[in-house]
Amino acid sequence: MISISARRMLPAKRRCAKGYPMYGLSSSGNLDVQLVMMQALIKLLEKTLSSKGVDSDLSELFGSSSSSKTSGSSANSSFESIIQKASQKYGVDADLVKAVIQNESNFDASAISSAGAMGLMQLMPATAESLGVENPLDPAENIEGGVKLLRELLNQFGGNLSNTLAAYNAGPGAVTQYDGVPPYQETQTYVKRVLSTYGKG
């Protein structure tokens, strides 16, 4: 019998991983101990299961975040060496690159926007081509192209971060036209968010 408090913790439709039984919480015993045991079981299952679909179900069921779903430190660590290599090559702060990626794609290498921007640094097809990027969905190529673009924009706007980021979002023509961050809500919000992530906002 599942207690009322425990019943609230489980979704209406309970699911279990194929081949693994669903363990309910009994009405007796210490709930905290049972939760610890359940969390240990989740970790064990997540280590042994390779199917993303099953992993996703476990996260939904127990409120546990899958390592493949997380962003921030765990996500950018997957691309750390690529970011460092490109940053050193073009003389761009690696933390700035990470801040751009965080706000552009949330470290999703397969991201494609409604406008057609692709990959980690959301390169438009024409921009990617001009930067020599053949496959924008390839993390190494995408980051190489994105960092190269940041370097070009930093040079064009004298190292001004706000103008550089505005140009990355809206294009250098718009920044030149308005002699600074253009009066576009999306671009202004974008610049603030990236600078905040970078720690300069």
Protein backbone atom coordinates (compact mmCIF):
# COMPACT_ATOMS: atom_id res chain seq x y z
CA MET A 1 0.00 0.00 0.00
CA ILE A 2 1.40 3.41 -1.01
CA SER A 3 0.94 6.14 1.60
CA ILE A 4 -0.82 9.41 0.73
CA SER A 5 2.40 11.44 1.00
CA ALA A 6 4.28 8.99 -1.18
CA ARG A 7 1.44 8.80 -3.69
CA ARG A 8 1.78 12.55 -4.33
CA MET A 9 5.40 12.05 -5.30
CA LEU A 10 4.55 9.71 -8.15
CA PRO A 11 2.94 10.82 -11.42
CA ALA A 12 -0.57 9.64 -12.21
CA LYS A 13 0.77 7.38 -14.92
CA ARG A 14 3.67 5.41 -13.48
CA ARG A 15 6.23 4.00 -15.86
CA CYS A 16 9.22 1.78 -15.37
CA ALA A 17 12.30 0.96 -17.40
CA LYS A 18 11.99 -2.21 -19.43
CA GLY A 19 13.28 -5.11 -17.39
CA TYR A 20 13.35 -3.13 -14.15
CA PRO A 21 10.50 -3.36 -11.60
CA MET A 22 8.78 -0.30 -10.20
CA TYR A 23 9.36 0.03 -6.49
CA GLY A 24 6.66 1.83 -4.53
CA LEU A 25 7.00 3.47 -1.14
CA SER A 26 5.44 1.58 1.74
CA SER A 27 3.41 3.29 4.43
CA SER A 28 5.82 2.04 7.07
CA GLY A 29 9.42 2.94 7.68
CA ASN A 30 11.30 6.18 7.48
CA LEU A 31 10.39 8.18 4.36
CA ASP A 32 13.76 9.93 4.25
CA VAL A 33 15.59 6.60 4.19
CA GLN A 34 13.28 5.36 1.45
CA LEU A 35 13.97 8.49 -0.61
CA VAL A 36 17.71 7.99 -0.26
CA MET A 37 17.32 4.39 -1.40
CA MET A 38 15.22 5.50 -4.36
CA GLN A 39 17.78 8.13 -5.37
CA ALA A 40 20.52 5.50 -5.18
CA LEU A 41 18.44 3.23 -7.41
CA ILE A 42 17.98 6.05 -9.93
CA LYS A 43 21.73 6.67 -10.10
CA LEU A 44 22.38 2.97 -10.57
CA LEU A 45 19.86 2.71 -13.38
CA GLU A 46 21.15 5.84 -15.11
CA LYS A 47 24.65 4.40 -15.11
CA THR A 48 23.55 1.11 -16.62
CA LEU A 49 20.97 2.29 -19.13
CA SER A 50 22.21 3.62 -22.45
CA SER A 51 18.90 4.41 -24.08
CA LYS A 52 18.11 8.10 -24.09
CA GLY A 53 14.41 7.38 -24.15
CA VAL A 54 14.61 5.33 -20.99
CA ASP A 55 16.84 7.89 -19.36
CA SER A 56 14.31 10.62 -20.14
CA ASP A 57 11.51 8.57 -18.56
CA LEU A 58 13.53 8.15 -15.39
CA SER A 59 14.04 11.89 -15.18
CA GLU A 60 10.34 12.54 -15.66
CA LEU A 61 9.36 9.92 -13.11
CA PHE A 62 11.70 10.83 -10.31
CA GLY A 63 12.42 14.49 -11.05
CA SER A 64 16.05 13.71 -11.72
CA SER A 65 17.98 15.62 -14.39
CA SER A 66 19.79 13.47 -16.91
CA SER A 67 23.40 14.40 -17.54
CA SER A 68 22.58 14.63 -21.24
CA LYS A 69 19.87 17.20 -20.50
CA THR A 70 21.86 19.54 -18.31
CA SER A 71 23.39 22.79 -19.42
CA GLY A 72 26.05 25.00 -17.90
CA SER A 73 29.19 23.38 -16.54
CA SER A 74 28.37 19.77 -17.39
CA ALA A 75 27.30 20.68 -20.91
CA ASN A 76 30.11 23.05 -21.83
CA SER A 77 32.69 20.63 -20.43
CA SER A 78 31.93 18.41 -23.42
CA PHE A 79 33.22 21.16 -25.74
CA GLU A 80 35.86 22.63 -23.42
CA SER A 81 38.90 21.54 -25.42
CA ILE A 82 37.39 22.77 -28.69
CA ILE A 83 36.51 26.13 -27.16
CA GLN A 84 39.97 26.54 -25.64
CA LYS A 85 41.70 25.67 -28.91
CA ALA A 86 39.65 28.12 -30.99
CA SER A 87 39.88 30.84 -28.33
CA GLN A 88 43.66 30.62 -28.23
CA LYS A 89 43.88 30.55 -32.02
CA TYR A 90 41.88 33.76 -32.47
CA GLY A 91 42.70 35.50 -29.20
CA VAL A 92 39.14 35.57 -27.88
CA ASP A 93 38.33 35.03 -24.20
CA ALA A 94 37.05 31.46 -23.78
CA ASP A 95 34.53 32.66 -21.21
CA LEU A 96 33.06 35.05 -23.76
CA VAL A 97 32.73 32.20 -26.24
CA LYS A 98 30.95 30.09 -23.61
CA ALA A 99 28.61 32.97 -22.78
CA VAL A 100 27.68 33.33 -26.44
CA ILE A 101 27.09 29.60 -26.82
CA GLN A 102 25.03 29.51 -23.62
CA ASN A 103 22.70 32.21 -24.93
CA GLU A 104 22.68 31.10 -28.55
CA SER A 105 22.01 27.37 -28.20
CA ASN A 106 22.31 26.43 -24.52
CA PHE A 107 25.13 24.11 -25.62
CA ASP A 108 22.89 22.13 -27.96
CA ALA A 109 25.06 21.20 -30.95
CA SER A 110 22.02 20.16 -32.99
CA ALA A 111 20.05 23.37 -32.43
CA ILE A 112 18.45 24.94 -35.51
CA SER A 113 16.47 28.16 -35.13
CA SER A 114 13.32 29.08 -37.01
CA ALA A 115 15.45 31.50 -39.03
CA GLY A 116 17.84 28.73 -40.03
CA ALA A 117 20.76 29.49 -37.71
CA MET A 118 22.56 26.27 -36.84
CA GLY A 119 24.69 24.66 -34.19
CA LEU A 120 26.29 25.74 -30.95
CA MET A 121 27.00 29.31 -32.03
CA GLN A 122 23.94 29.55 -34.28
CA LEU A 123 25.60 30.36 -37.59
CA MET A 124 23.39 31.31 -40.52
CA PRO A 125 24.13 29.27 -43.68
CA ALA A 126 25.60 32.19 -45.62
CA THR A 127 27.72 33.26 -42.65
CA ALA A 128 28.94 29.72 -42.09
CA GLU A 129 29.94 29.45 -45.74
CA SER A 130 31.83 32.74 -45.62
CA LEU A 131 33.72 31.48 -42.57
CA GLY A 132 34.66 28.23 -44.27
CA VAL A 133 32.34 26.11 -42.15
CA GLU A 134 31.17 23.15 -44.21
CA ASN A 135 29.05 21.47 -41.53
CA PRO A 136 27.55 23.95 -39.03
CA LEU A 137 26.24 21.08 -36.91
CA ASP A 138 29.74 19.78 -36.29
CA PRO A 139 30.81 21.23 -32.91
CA ALA A 140 34.45 21.76 -33.88
CA GLU A 141 33.62 23.49 -37.16
CA ASN A 142 30.83 25.55 -35.63
CA ILE A 143 32.93 26.80 -32.73
CA GLU A 144 35.88 27.50 -35.03
CA GLY A 145 33.64 29.60 -37.27
CA GLY A 146 31.83 31.34 -34.43
CA VAL A 147 35.02 32.33 -32.63
CA LYS A 148 36.55 33.51 -35.90
CA LEU A 149 33.48 35.70 -36.42
CA LEU A 150 33.75 37.11 -32.89
CA ARG A 151 37.39 37.99 -33.57
CA GLU A 152 36.46 39.79 -36.79
CA LEU A 153 33.70 41.74 -35.05
CA LEU A 154 35.92 42.63 -32.09
CA ASN A 155 38.46 44.02 -34.55
CA GLN A 156 35.79 45.88 -36.51
CA PHE A 157 34.33 47.55 -33.42
CA GLY A 158 37.55 48.27 -31.60
CA GLY A 159 37.06 45.64 -28.92
CA ASN A 160 33.74 47.11 -27.77
CA LEU A 161 31.91 44.10 -26.34
CA SER A 162 28.39 45.51 -26.54
CA ASN A 163 28.78 46.48 -30.18
CA THR A 164 30.48 43.18 -31.00
CA LEU A 165 27.65 41.16 -29.47
CA ALA A 166 25.03 43.35 -31.09
CA ALA A 167 26.71 42.77 -34.45
CA TYR A 168 26.83 39.03 -33.79
CA ASN A 169 23.07 39.11 -33.22
CA ALA A 170 21.81 41.72 -35.68
CA GLY A 171 24.70 42.05 -38.11
CA PRO A 172 27.51 44.61 -38.29
CA GLY A 173 25.53 46.77 -40.70
CA ALA A 174 22.89 47.51 -38.06
CA VAL A 175 25.51 48.47 -35.49
CA THR A 176 27.25 50.76 -37.96
CA GLN A 177 23.95 52.32 -39.00
CA TYR A 178 22.99 53.19 -35.42
CA ASP A 179 26.55 53.82 -34.27
CA GLY A 180 26.07 51.35 -31.44
CA VAL A 181 23.61 48.75 -30.24
CA PRO A 182 20.58 49.10 -32.53
CA PRO A 183 17.16 49.85 -31.00
CA TYR A 184 15.91 46.31 -31.49
CA GLN A 185 14.42 44.76 -28.36
CA GLU A 186 15.76 41.32 -29.22
CA THR A 187 19.28 42.60 -29.79
CA GLN A 188 19.33 44.78 -26.69
CA THR A 189 18.10 41.89 -24.56
CA TYR A 190 20.62 39.56 -26.17
CA VAL A 191 23.55 41.87 -25.42
CA LYS A 192 22.49 42.23 -21.78
CA ARG A 193 22.09 38.49 -21.33
CA VAL A 194 25.43 37.57 -22.85
CA LEU A 195 27.26 40.23 -20.85
CA SER A 196 25.51 39.02 -17.70
CA THR A 197 26.50 35.42 -18.40
CA TYR A 198 30.04 36.58 -19.16
CA GLY A 199 30.13 38.51 -15.90
CA LYS A 200 30.50 41.92 -17.50
CA GLY A 201 26.86 42.97 -17.28
